[in-house]
């Protein structure tokens, strides 16, 4: 019996699963047993369905996980997996060894998951006692027990693995890989353009660890294993950072393995004051004797010889090892090459105890080699192994040794034979020293036959690397592409990146200078830049510039002891010029070179200043495909861009984040630009005065706080996401996103802190704590009033407040407690004076986002840095009006009332760059990458990118705290100074129609004539009253120019010269007319010449006059009513008529006597097309009446003014640009296009019929700053 047919039992969805059951409606869900056929069918169907969903969900999760890992890899710039180092050391471990370490009480305590605190264990032991193997054993134990473990191995043989920056990035990446919650928080951070690989270690610690990790509450502790801390460039700096572990909400367990040095011991002692530190000191003899015994026993099983001999060898080695694994391994390697038992006994007897005697024996073996070529080759290999920037692979080393040594049958065997046991090849085919102590022996032991002089070796390696780049075939090889080039030329990439490293460490010599001059004076330097752009390594150019500057400086110091004839000043000048140009190339052309590395050959040199070395050497106008003109700067200018705000609005405030910066104007508009190319993104109209604003970290949200409302905006769309009302009569003085961008904090002039949840904007502002910022203690001589300034620290956990009559105070927001007050130093003249009980009012201040210092300026003309926790206080006598700190905490910037901007090194409190200008600065900000800064001057926004900032941003670590001859501290460079060229501000500009000539009028009343290609031709006019030139216009004959100033003076000039219309030949100017107008005290509104250049029209707010150029007599005069909103132009078809374009009509006047010929209305109300119009003038049609809709009239009090009227080429159309201003201060624009065909026959025009225009949509008009004209092909230019 079939109850239902299949067609009536299914839904018909794609992929639907159906099964038939032998049941009716009552027992459909009832089964007799698990073996019931109906039950089996239902179970299998559900299992199949779940399996499909599970596999699809797994695929989605895997894809998402993969994308997240790519994001964090990019954030941390990880080039090599940390597992490689772990595997290298773990392969040397022997089963059964190292287990004693897990029984150590302090190690067990550190690994105990039940304890609730963070702690650090430091195991110290002598060199070569197996510390790295022990660290891998701990790592492996943690992994096998299922615990989260991150690790790092400092390596003396690899300069790229000795910096604190690399350690923190590696640990951060591993945590992001292992902890999904941490990874998701970092994804949000990846959009902030932090460039961690170039950042200071303190910046990484603050942004990644303190601001994110330490605020998370993970259930299980985190374990960090650090091996070889003594081999780090900055061990002390790392221990200083670890003080912050005590503030972590997640338990952090750090296990550190290193040698015991005095500086490390004192560093751990200081650290124990903040975090629990367990000291585990081993001498190697008591701890790893059993491990050495097992190791030797295992090796003896694979050694030839009798049991008696093996026992003798084992007893001898164990008795002499003294806990040194390296000595044992080298001895075993030595006897493994023996062929007789007596030879083994003799070798064992000859081998001395201790590493130094053993190294001496190995060195003597090389020196006594019968072949001179073997001795020479051994020394060259040792030089490369000891002095290389990073370990070379076998393939790279083979290329480095050629052509002197080429075609090695087995380079690995050659290294083993000629270098004895000093050099080994690891599992990744890298050539490295057997141990750091071997390197120290060969470089520091005097009177060795095979001694390695590091400075001399670096000089030889520099010569080899730079010679490799000088290869003339390199450019053609680069054309093959990145992958093919790297596979066929592995050493060239090392040479291109590392020659500057060897230059910095090489001894000064004429040979090095000769090579540099040959390299920089020829085309190879462009090929090198091409290679660096191809491999995305343009930052190497900045390092090379630093190296050239350092070498030239050392060379000049050495000149004091040389004959003046040997100073080679011209060659040193070449180095200096390239040091400047290399940095400028990175700053100004990095985007172009990344997209097209070959642009360095033909596209970059023409755009460089005329006196730059790049332009002088490589730009040949006669053979160039480009002809560039109009570049006024003959030397490099630090000004990257200058943006003028619309309508002359004043720039009041600037903020930056990620890829955007925003400027608040005096009109209340907030304009956003892309920082990468200065493209305008959007304009935010809050609708009222704005008192505070900021971006979130990724700059995809923006908040503005007005007098009455707060608005949250989406970037880049510019749409309002949320809006809420503000507390009445309260002005926000600072605003910030907080708690991972989930809420917004403000500090107000009523001394209250408020917050609003972004997901609950409608709930409005809530007070954080009534007691916050409420001063209860009395300070003699103070009075508390409204704050002068408030500012949050980088993570909005602290807020600083300064007053006119009260000390600057810092409060902890979450705890509502006072952290500290800024007390003035007792000795005002001392830079390092101790704080006292005295205080002084602070005018301006900001926070160092990394160190937590407050940087500010006292009212008496001193700048200071003060830490609210430690009370550290430093001062410098320097006036400042504005102040801002860089995101990486290395720099801060100040400006004073005379327009001078200074960039300061924060650590040394010294000026590194000064920009002198006479314009007042009203705002300062650094870009997120710290390579440029912005300032606000009047109505303009300036972006500055000086070399000193670019060089600073490329410095990974400030200095090393270890004493090594290869690690010289970075010196503080002398301040560089730049001057802004002082030009009188341009007040008027007019271009000759169809010519390369144009006129410029300035605020001093001077009019100058320029040619686009030739530059300035002559001074055309100079008004004697020194008032600004306000109006200028050209006649259509391109020979007459009219200029007027604010005082009402007018000059008409005629150009005389050969081919003046084309802007060629010599040009002279002759005064034609200087009319004495009678405008009844009004300023000149407009000047215009007729088509024949015989009559001049002068228009004021209320009056118009016509003057004859030939007689100098006034022809006509009449009063104008309500015509101040008009602009005037010649009639497009009738030369005896004038057109006055208003917002809603055209007025027609006669040239001779200014007779009113009538009005043409083009609409009293504003008309729009409902449907989108194709913006092509050729398809202009008069719209049918049924497509037009009339919008309401302007609001009461609104004004509309025609700002510009432009006649197009060929007089086919003319454009009318209208500005509409509302009583609320908002402004909008309209752009209308009229066809001149409507004016061809005046007698046929019905003055009562509106003239039709093409209305340009608002979304297009909003992007038009200045309408220029349209071409004969009917394209609009603006």
Foldseek 3Di string as FASTA:
>chain_A
DDPDDPVVVDDPDPPDDDDDDPDDPPCQPPADDCPGPSNVVVVVVVVVVVVVVVVVVVVVVVVVLVVLLVLLCVVLVDDDAQVVLLVQLQVPADPPFLPVVCVPVVNVVLPDFPDQAAEEEEEAEDPQLSLSNNLSVVVVVCVVVPHAEFEAEQDLQALVRQELLNVLSRRLSSCLSVPVVLSVLVSLLSLFPQPSQLFANLLSCVPRPVQGQQVDQDSTAYEYEYEALVSHLASLVVLVSCLCCRSRNHHYYYYYYHHDDPVVVVSVVVSCVRHHYHYHYDHQLVRRLVVLLVVLVVLLVVADDDPVLSVVVSVLCSVQVSSRNLLSVLLSVVLSPDDDSVSSVVSSVPQDGDDLSNLLVLLVVLVPPPDPVLNVVLLLLVLCSLAANGFDAPVLVQVLCPDVDHDDPDVQVSNCVSNPQQWHQTPVRTIHGPGVVSSCSQAPPPPGPSHDPNQASLVVSLVSLLVLLVPPCLLVLCVVADPSSCVVPVNNVSSLQCSLLSLQSHDDDVVVLVSVCVCLLDPSVLSSQLVCLRVVNLLSLLSSLVSLVVNLVVLQVVCVVPDPVPSPVVSNVSSNLSSQVSLVCCVQPSVVCNVPVVCLQAPPLVPAAQPRPSVVRRPDPVPHPDDDFDPPDNHDDQFRDKDFDFPLWAWFEKEATRQKIWTATPLRKIWIAGPVPRHTQDIARPLAHWQEKYAARSRQWIWTHHQFKIFIAGPSVNDTPDMDTDPHPKHFQYKYQADSNQKIWTQIQVRWIWMDGPVPCHVDIDTLDPLASPDDDDDPFFDDHGFLHKAAAPRRQKMWTFHQGDFIWIAGRNVSGTLATQAAFPDNAFQFGAGDSHGFGWNDWYAQNSPQWIWTAGPVQKIWIAHSHVRGIGIDRHHFDEKDAANSSQWIWGADQQGKIFIAGVVVRHTAEIEGDRFGWNYKDAHNLQQWIWTTGRRMIIIGGHSVRSSSSSNHHQAGPDDDSSGDGDDRDDHYYYYDDDDAAWQDKEAQPPEQKIWTWGQQQWIWIAGRRPGTQGTADHDPVRGTWHAKYAANVSFWIWIAGFVGWIWIKGKDAPPVVHPDGHIDIDTQETADDDPPPFGWLYWDAFNVRQWIWTDGQWKIWIAGSNPRDIQEIDTHDPLSQWDKDAQLADRQWIWTDHPFWIWIAGRRYRDTPAIAGQDPFDKDFPDDDDLFPVPDDQDDPVRIDGDDHDPPPKDKGFPDKAQAVVSQKIKTKIWIADPSSDIAIWIKIAGSVQVNDVVPDDSVHHGHIDTDDRVVVVPDSDWDHAHPNRHTDD
